[in-house]
Protein backbone atom coordinates (compact mmCIF):
# COMPACT_ATOMS: atom_id res chain seq x y z
CA UNK A 1 12.09 -30.16 44.65
CA UNK A 2 12.66 -26.59 43.55
CA UNK A 3 12.95 -26.08 47.46
CA UNK A 4 15.63 -28.89 48.14
CA UNK A 5 17.66 -27.47 45.22
CA UNK A 6 17.07 -23.74 46.34
CA UNK A 7 18.80 -24.91 49.82
CA UNK A 8 20.99 -26.87 48.11
CA UNK A 9 20.06 -29.90 50.21
CA UNK A 10 20.18 -32.45 47.57
CA UNK A 11 20.82 -29.80 44.39
CA UNK A 12 24.16 -29.93 41.83
CA UNK A 13 26.33 -26.90 42.97
CA UNK A 14 25.61 -24.87 40.22
CA UNK A 15 22.17 -24.41 42.14
CA UNK A 16 22.47 -21.42 44.23
CA UNK A 17 19.69 -19.11 46.55
CA UNK A 18 21.14 -15.75 47.76
CA UNK A 19 20.94 -14.83 51.15
CA UNK A 20 21.51 -11.13 50.90
CA UNK A 21 19.02 -9.05 51.12
CA UNK A 22 19.18 -6.69 48.41
CA UNK A 23 18.26 -3.77 49.34
CA UNK A 24 19.37 -1.88 46.97
CA UNK A 25 16.83 -2.37 43.76
CA UNK A 26 18.23 -0.59 40.64
CA UNK A 27 16.82 -0.24 36.77
CA UNK A 28 16.13 -3.89 35.83
CA UNK A 29 13.45 -2.65 32.97
CA UNK A 30 15.67 -0.56 30.65
CA UNK A 31 19.18 -1.18 29.07
CA UNK A 32 21.03 1.25 31.20
CA UNK A 33 21.64 -0.37 34.45
CA UNK A 34 22.54 0.91 38.05
CA UNK A 35 26.32 0.64 37.62
CA UNK A 36 25.68 3.80 35.42
CA UNK A 37 25.09 5.81 38.41
CA UNK A 38 26.90 3.84 41.31
CA UNK A 39 31.07 4.64 41.43
CA UNK A 40 32.72 1.10 41.04
CA UNK A 41 36.63 1.51 41.13
CA UNK A 42 38.44 4.14 38.99
CA UNK A 43 34.76 5.41 37.87
CA UNK A 44 33.24 8.77 39.24
CA UNK A 45 30.29 9.15 41.04
CA UNK A 46 28.39 11.49 39.74
CA UNK A 47 24.86 11.33 41.13
CA UNK A 48 25.75 11.39 44.52
CA UNK A 49 23.36 14.42 45.38
CA UNK A 50 21.26 16.17 42.56
CA UNK A 51 23.64 19.11 42.61
CA UNK A 52 23.90 21.06 39.03
CA UNK A 53 20.92 19.23 37.67
CA UNK A 54 18.65 21.21 35.47
CA UNK A 55 15.00 20.62 35.07
CA UNK A 56 14.39 20.61 31.36
CA UNK A 57 10.93 19.71 31.88
CA UNK A 58 8.44 17.79 33.83
CA UNK A 59 7.34 14.29 31.47
CA UNK A 60 5.24 12.77 33.66
CA UNK A 61 3.56 13.93 37.14
CA UNK A 62 1.51 10.62 37.98
CA UNK A 63 -1.14 11.50 40.97
CA UNK A 64 -2.16 7.67 41.08
CA UNK A 65 1.60 6.30 41.26
CA UNK A 66 3.00 8.88 43.37
CA UNK A 67 5.54 9.77 41.12
CA UNK A 68 7.09 12.18 38.93
CA UNK A 69 9.55 11.99 35.98
CA UNK A 70 11.57 14.76 34.27
CA UNK A 71 14.05 15.37 31.99
CA UNK A 72 17.09 17.38 32.75
CA UNK A 73 20.59 18.20 32.48
CA UNK A 74 23.83 18.15 34.46
CA UNK A 75 25.52 21.60 34.46
CA UNK A 76 28.95 20.94 32.83
CA UNK A 77 28.36 17.41 31.45
CA UNK A 78 27.25 16.43 28.07
CA UNK A 79 23.89 14.24 27.36
CA UNK A 80 20.69 14.13 29.05
CA UNK A 81 19.25 12.82 32.46
CA UNK A 82 16.15 11.41 32.91
CA UNK A 83 14.63 10.78 36.29
CA UNK A 84 11.95 9.27 37.85
CA UNK A 85 11.27 9.98 41.67
CA UNK A 86 8.79 8.12 43.02
CA UNK A 87 7.29 7.52 46.98
CA UNK A 88 7.82 4.37 48.73
CA UNK A 89 5.35 2.40 50.48
CA UNK A 90 5.09 3.13 54.30
CA UNK A 91 7.57 0.09 56.17
CA UNK A 92 5.11 -1.46 58.68
CA UNK A 93 8.02 -2.33 60.89
CA UNK A 94 9.11 1.14 61.06
CA UNK A 95 5.72 2.85 61.52
CA UNK A 96 6.34 3.10 65.43
CA UNK A 97 9.27 6.00 64.49
CA UNK A 98 6.89 7.92 62.41
CA UNK A 99 4.74 8.35 65.72
CA UNK A 100 7.03 10.09 67.44
CA UNK A 101 7.87 13.58 68.59
CA UNK A 102 10.09 13.45 65.60
CA UNK A 103 7.18 13.83 63.53
CA UNK A 104 5.78 17.63 63.46
CA UNK A 105 2.14 17.72 62.09
CA UNK A 106 1.02 21.18 61.01
CA UNK A 107 -2.68 22.12 60.61
CA UNK A 108 -4.54 22.27 57.64
CA UNK A 109 -7.81 22.37 59.23
CA UNK A 110 -9.71 21.55 61.76
CA UNK A 111 -13.78 20.67 61.65
CA UNK A 112 -15.43 19.06 64.80
CA UNK A 113 -13.71 15.44 65.91
CA UNK A 114 -11.57 15.44 62.72
CA UNK A 115 -8.14 16.70 61.62
CA UNK A 116 -6.52 17.45 58.84
CA UNK A 117 -2.92 18.04 59.20
CA UNK A 118 0.76 17.72 57.03
CA UNK A 119 2.32 15.55 58.69
CA UNK A 120 6.52 16.37 58.39
CA UNK A 121 8.02 12.87 58.48
CA UNK A 122 12.06 13.22 59.37
CA UNK A 123 13.91 12.66 55.74
CA UNK A 124 15.25 9.35 56.35
CA UNK A 125 11.34 7.62 57.07
CA UNK A 126 10.43 9.82 53.76
CA UNK A 127 12.18 7.73 51.43
CA UNK A 128 11.90 8.73 47.93
CA UNK A 129 13.11 6.22 45.09
CA UNK A 130 15.02 7.79 42.28
CA UNK A 131 16.04 5.79 38.99
CA UNK A 132 18.36 7.72 36.61
CA UNK A 133 19.00 6.97 33.49
CA UNK A 134 21.88 8.53 31.76
CA UNK A 135 23.43 9.43 29.25
CA UNK A 136 19.58 9.28 28.31
CA UNK A 137 18.23 8.20 24.53
CA UNK A 138 15.42 9.30 22.83
CA UNK A 139 13.40 6.29 23.21
CA UNK A 140 14.21 6.89 27.33
CA UNK A 141 12.54 10.12 27.23
CA UNK A 142 9.50 8.88 25.12
CA UNK A 143 9.20 5.76 27.44
CA UNK A 144 8.73 7.84 30.50
CA UNK A 145 6.53 10.68 28.57
CA UNK A 146 2.90 10.43 29.39
CA UNK A 147 1.06 10.00 26.41
CA UNK A 148 -2.56 8.65 25.67
CA UNK A 149 -2.49 4.91 24.28
CA UNK A 150 -4.04 2.94 21.36
CA UNK A 151 -5.17 -1.10 21.35
CA UNK A 152 -3.30 -3.23 18.28
CA UNK A 153 -4.95 -6.33 17.61
CA UNK A 154 -1.68 -7.79 16.32
CA UNK A 155 -2.70 -10.57 14.00
CA UNK A 156 0.43 -13.16 12.92
CA UNK A 157 0.97 -11.31 9.86
CA UNK A 158 0.83 -8.02 11.41
CA UNK A 159 3.89 -9.36 13.97
CA UNK A 160 6.11 -10.66 10.58
CA UNK A 161 5.55 -7.23 8.52
CA UNK A 162 6.09 -4.54 11.67
CA UNK A 163 6.90 -5.89 15.29
CA UNK A 164 9.25 -8.43 14.36
CA UNK A 165 11.44 -5.94 11.89
CA UNK A 166 10.72 -3.39 14.74
CA UNK A 167 12.35 -5.63 17.35
CA UNK A 168 14.83 -6.71 15.13
CA UNK A 169 16.16 -2.50 14.07
CA UNK A 170 14.75 -0.56 16.79
CA UNK A 171 14.94 -2.27 20.50
CA UNK A 172 16.77 -1.30 23.23
CA UNK A 173 20.62 -3.14 23.91
CA UNK A 174 20.65 -5.80 25.35
CA UNK A 175 24.15 -5.21 26.93
CA UNK A 176 23.12 -4.68 30.79
CA UNK A 177 21.32 -8.31 30.60
CA UNK A 178 24.08 -10.01 29.42
CA UNK A 179 26.18 -8.47 32.14
CA UNK A 180 23.65 -9.43 34.77
CA UNK A 181 23.32 -12.89 32.67
CA UNK A 182 27.18 -13.17 33.05
CA UNK A 183 27.65 -11.82 36.63
CA UNK A 184 29.53 -8.95 35.59
CA UNK A 185 27.19 -6.67 37.25
CA UNK A 186 24.45 -6.65 39.91
CA UNK A 187 25.88 -10.63 41.03
CA UNK A 188 25.15 -9.41 44.81
CA UNK A 189 21.30 -8.76 44.20
CA UNK A 190 20.58 -12.03 42.67
CA UNK A 191 18.31 -13.96 44.93
CA UNK A 192 18.58 -17.34 42.77
CA UNK A 193 19.90 -18.70 39.78
CA UNK A 194 19.47 -21.86 38.13
CA UNK A 195 22.51 -22.10 35.01
CA UNK A 196 21.20 -25.15 32.61
CA UNK A 197 21.65 -23.83 29.60
CA UNK A 198 18.46 -24.52 28.42
CA UNK A 199 16.02 -24.20 31.15
CA UNK A 200 18.10 -21.67 33.54
CA UNK A 201 17.25 -18.31 34.75
CA UNK A 202 18.46 -15.87 37.32
CA UNK A 203 15.73 -14.18 39.90
CA UNK A 204 16.83 -10.91 40.86
CA UNK A 205 14.65 -7.89 42.49
CA UNK A 206 13.00 -5.52 40.29
CA UNK A 207 13.91 -1.61 40.28
CA UNK A 208 10.27 -0.28 41.56
CA UNK A 209 11.35 -2.56 44.66
CA UNK A 210 13.53 -2.19 47.80
CA UNK A 211 13.59 -5.64 48.69
CA UNK A 212 12.08 -5.03 52.33
CA UNK A 213 8.33 -4.69 52.77
CA UNK A 214 6.93 -7.06 51.26
CA UNK A 215 3.17 -5.78 50.35
CA UNK A 216 5.11 -4.35 46.74
CA UNK A 217 7.78 -7.34 46.51
CA UNK A 218 8.52 -7.37 42.25
CA UNK A 219 11.00 -9.31 41.18
CA UNK A 220 12.25 -11.01 37.57
CA UNK A 221 13.45 -14.32 36.32
CA UNK A 222 15.86 -13.43 32.97
CA UNK A 223 16.10 -16.48 31.67
CA UNK A 224 19.81 -17.53 30.25
CA UNK A 225 19.00 -18.38 26.56
CA UNK A 226 19.76 -15.54 24.20
CA UNK A 227 17.57 -17.01 21.36
CA UNK A 228 13.97 -16.07 22.79
CA UNK A 229 13.08 -12.62 22.80
CA UNK A 230 9.14 -12.36 24.08
CA UNK A 231 5.74 -13.81 24.41
CA UNK A 232 5.86 -14.50 20.14
CA UNK A 233 8.92 -16.27 20.34
CA UNK A 234 7.26 -19.40 22.72
CA UNK A 235 6.49 -22.99 21.33
CA UNK A 236 5.61 -26.46 22.93
CA UNK A 237 9.36 -27.23 23.36
CA UNK A 238 10.07 -24.48 25.86
CA UNK A 239 7.21 -25.68 28.20
CA UNK A 240 9.95 -26.92 30.50
CA UNK A 241 11.51 -23.81 30.85
CA UNK A 242 8.06 -21.86 31.79
CA UNK A 243 7.50 -24.65 34.51
CA UNK A 244 11.01 -24.40 35.74
CA UNK A 245 10.81 -20.71 36.37
CA UNK A 246 7.28 -20.93 37.45
CA UNK A 247 8.02 -23.44 40.06
CA UNK A 248 11.71 -22.26 41.36
CA UNK A 249 11.21 -18.58 41.25
CA UNK A 250 7.92 -19.06 42.95
CA UNK A 251 9.96 -21.57 46.01
CA UNK A 252 12.76 -19.38 46.00
CA UNK A 253 10.70 -16.58 46.50
CA UNK A 254 8.71 -18.76 49.39
CA UNK A 255 12.07 -19.53 51.00
CA UNK A 256 13.59 -16.03 51.29
CA UNK A 257 10.60 -13.70 51.65
CA UNK A 258 8.11 -16.07 52.98
CA UNK A 259 5.38 -15.32 50.40
CA UNK A 260 3.90 -18.49 49.14
CA UNK A 261 3.04 -19.12 45.55
CA UNK A 262 -1.33 -18.38 46.05
CA UNK A 263 -0.21 -14.59 47.05
CA UNK A 264 2.02 -14.11 43.89
CA UNK A 265 1.11 -12.68 40.87
CA UNK A 266 3.22 -14.45 37.74
CA UNK A 267 3.19 -13.37 34.47
CA UNK A 268 4.90 -12.05 30.77
CA UNK A 269 4.49 -8.39 29.68
CA UNK A 270 3.14 -7.78 25.96
CA UNK A 271 4.67 -5.50 24.16
CA UNK A 272 7.68 -6.23 26.92
CA UNK A 273 9.81 -3.30 28.13
CA UNK A 274 12.63 -5.18 26.79
CA UNK A 275 13.17 -7.86 23.73
CA UNK A 276 14.97 -10.88 26.14
CA UNK A 277 12.17 -13.51 27.83
CA UNK A 278 11.81 -12.32 31.57
CA UNK A 279 8.99 -13.09 33.87
CA UNK A 280 7.34 -10.86 36.63
CA UNK A 281 7.07 -11.96 39.90
CA UNK A 282 5.26 -9.37 42.41
CA UNK A 283 2.74 -10.02 45.27
CA UNK A 284 -0.80 -10.39 44.69
CA UNK A 285 -1.27 -7.24 47.11
CA UNK A 286 0.72 -4.97 44.88
CA UNK A 287 -0.93 -3.39 41.45
CA UNK A 288 1.91 -3.36 39.91
CA UNK A 289 2.42 -1.16 36.53
CA UNK A 290 1.45 -3.58 33.43
CA UNK A 291 -1.22 -5.59 34.80
CA UNK A 292 -3.63 -4.88 33.07
CA UNK A 293 -5.35 -6.88 30.09
CA UNK A 294 -3.50 -5.75 26.63
CA UNK A 295 -0.10 -5.83 28.54
CA UNK A 296 0.01 -8.73 30.82
CA UNK A 297 -0.08 -12.45 30.18
CA UNK A 298 -0.04 -14.63 33.48
CA UNK A 299 2.11 -17.61 33.03
CA UNK A 300 0.06 -20.65 34.04
CA UNK A 301 -2.27 -19.44 31.42
CA UNK A 302 0.66 -19.26 28.15
CA UNK A 303 1.77 -22.81 29.94
CA UNK A 304 -1.62 -24.02 29.49
CA UNK A 305 -2.30 -22.28 25.54
CA UNK A 306 1.44 -23.97 25.22
CA UNK A 307 0.35 -27.53 26.35
CA UNK A 308 -3.24 -27.03 24.20
CA UNK A 309 -1.43 -25.78 21.30
CA UNK A 310 2.29 -25.66 20.60
CA UNK A 311 2.47 -22.85 18.21
CA UNK A 312 -0.52 -21.12 20.04
CA UNK A 313 1.50 -17.91 20.64
CA UNK A 314 2.74 -17.72 16.68
CA UNK A 315 -0.66 -18.15 15.02
CA UNK A 316 -3.02 -16.21 17.75
CA UNK A 317 -4.14 -12.68 17.30
CA UNK A 318 -2.42 -10.96 20.73
CA UNK A 319 -4.20 -7.41 21.64
CA UNK A 320 -1.70 -4.75 23.10
CA UNK A 321 -1.80 -1.14 24.02
CA UNK A 322 0.86 1.07 23.03
CA UNK A 323 1.67 4.87 23.97
CA UNK A 324 0.88 7.50 20.92
CA UNK A 325 4.13 8.60 20.72
CA UNK A 326 6.07 5.39 20.65
CA UNK A 327 7.90 4.63 16.91
CA UNK A 328 5.94 0.90 16.85
CA UNK A 329 2.80 2.53 16.48
CA UNK A 330 3.61 4.60 13.92
CA UNK A 331 4.85 1.37 12.19
CA UNK A 332 1.28 0.53 12.60
CA UNK A 333 -0.25 3.51 11.76
CA UNK A 334 1.73 3.22 8.51
CA UNK A 335 0.23 -0.20 7.75
CA UNK A 336 -3.60 1.66 8.27
CA UNK A 337 -4.32 0.00 11.41
CA UNK A 338 -5.73 3.39 12.72
CA UNK A 339 -8.21 4.43 10.47
CA UNK A 340 -9.86 7.91 10.86
């Protein structure tokens, strides 16, 4: 049924599957959309290069993820800039272009039949993704800053007394989300949408994916409803919404990218990076950030838990990890959750 609706064979006119490549992934996990840094009509383009950019400090240099995050400034402009650079996975379709005379090899050492060389690829085959937040707030900087983490067993009481007030007072702006839902921004990136006011969602690529190689496929579904912030808000009557996201989301990805549902990982984060219900869709082959225990909850398990007990996420103890510099951790510390 989802496939028919996606293709438009027998579907109502409001169901649609986009056919564009959506290859220019943008920031869909912070409160600043890439329209901040991509010039549109009447706006100044300030990030066509990193000319006049000054590094203030390195926030995180991750060898594991081949990425670096820096805090900086632009000469002659107010405000702080946060930039994350990450090396992209190899695109199998372009490998032959690497194995040509355009790639220079520099000797590191050679021993018997073993050669260790540095490969200097042509610039167009050595792309690095740049995610930019400007002007960045302190909470953006804290988010990218390398820090140890702590584990919290959040009881329903702690959620009511600590987490919920934090969500209501201190979380990121949702304006960029509403821009997507209202088609004011990023409309050309939408892969699939169902505008039903109760069951609907928009599916689009996450910033961590270029939209090209399937090995690190990463999309997210943002629900149209604005009254569900996170996992804790889900109840039994939300099961039709979650199943709609699961079945239509996986089918849309299969139709557009050829990746079947059994090759996809579908999950929610708790705590999420922004407090408007959204679901992550990644390729099983991609070890995406935030898929570990204490962060990710498989959507199929969430649905099963709610079918068993409609108020499961209202009454359950939910463990999660939080960075030690996160203001939410400070709130839990005030409650005595981290005894010496």
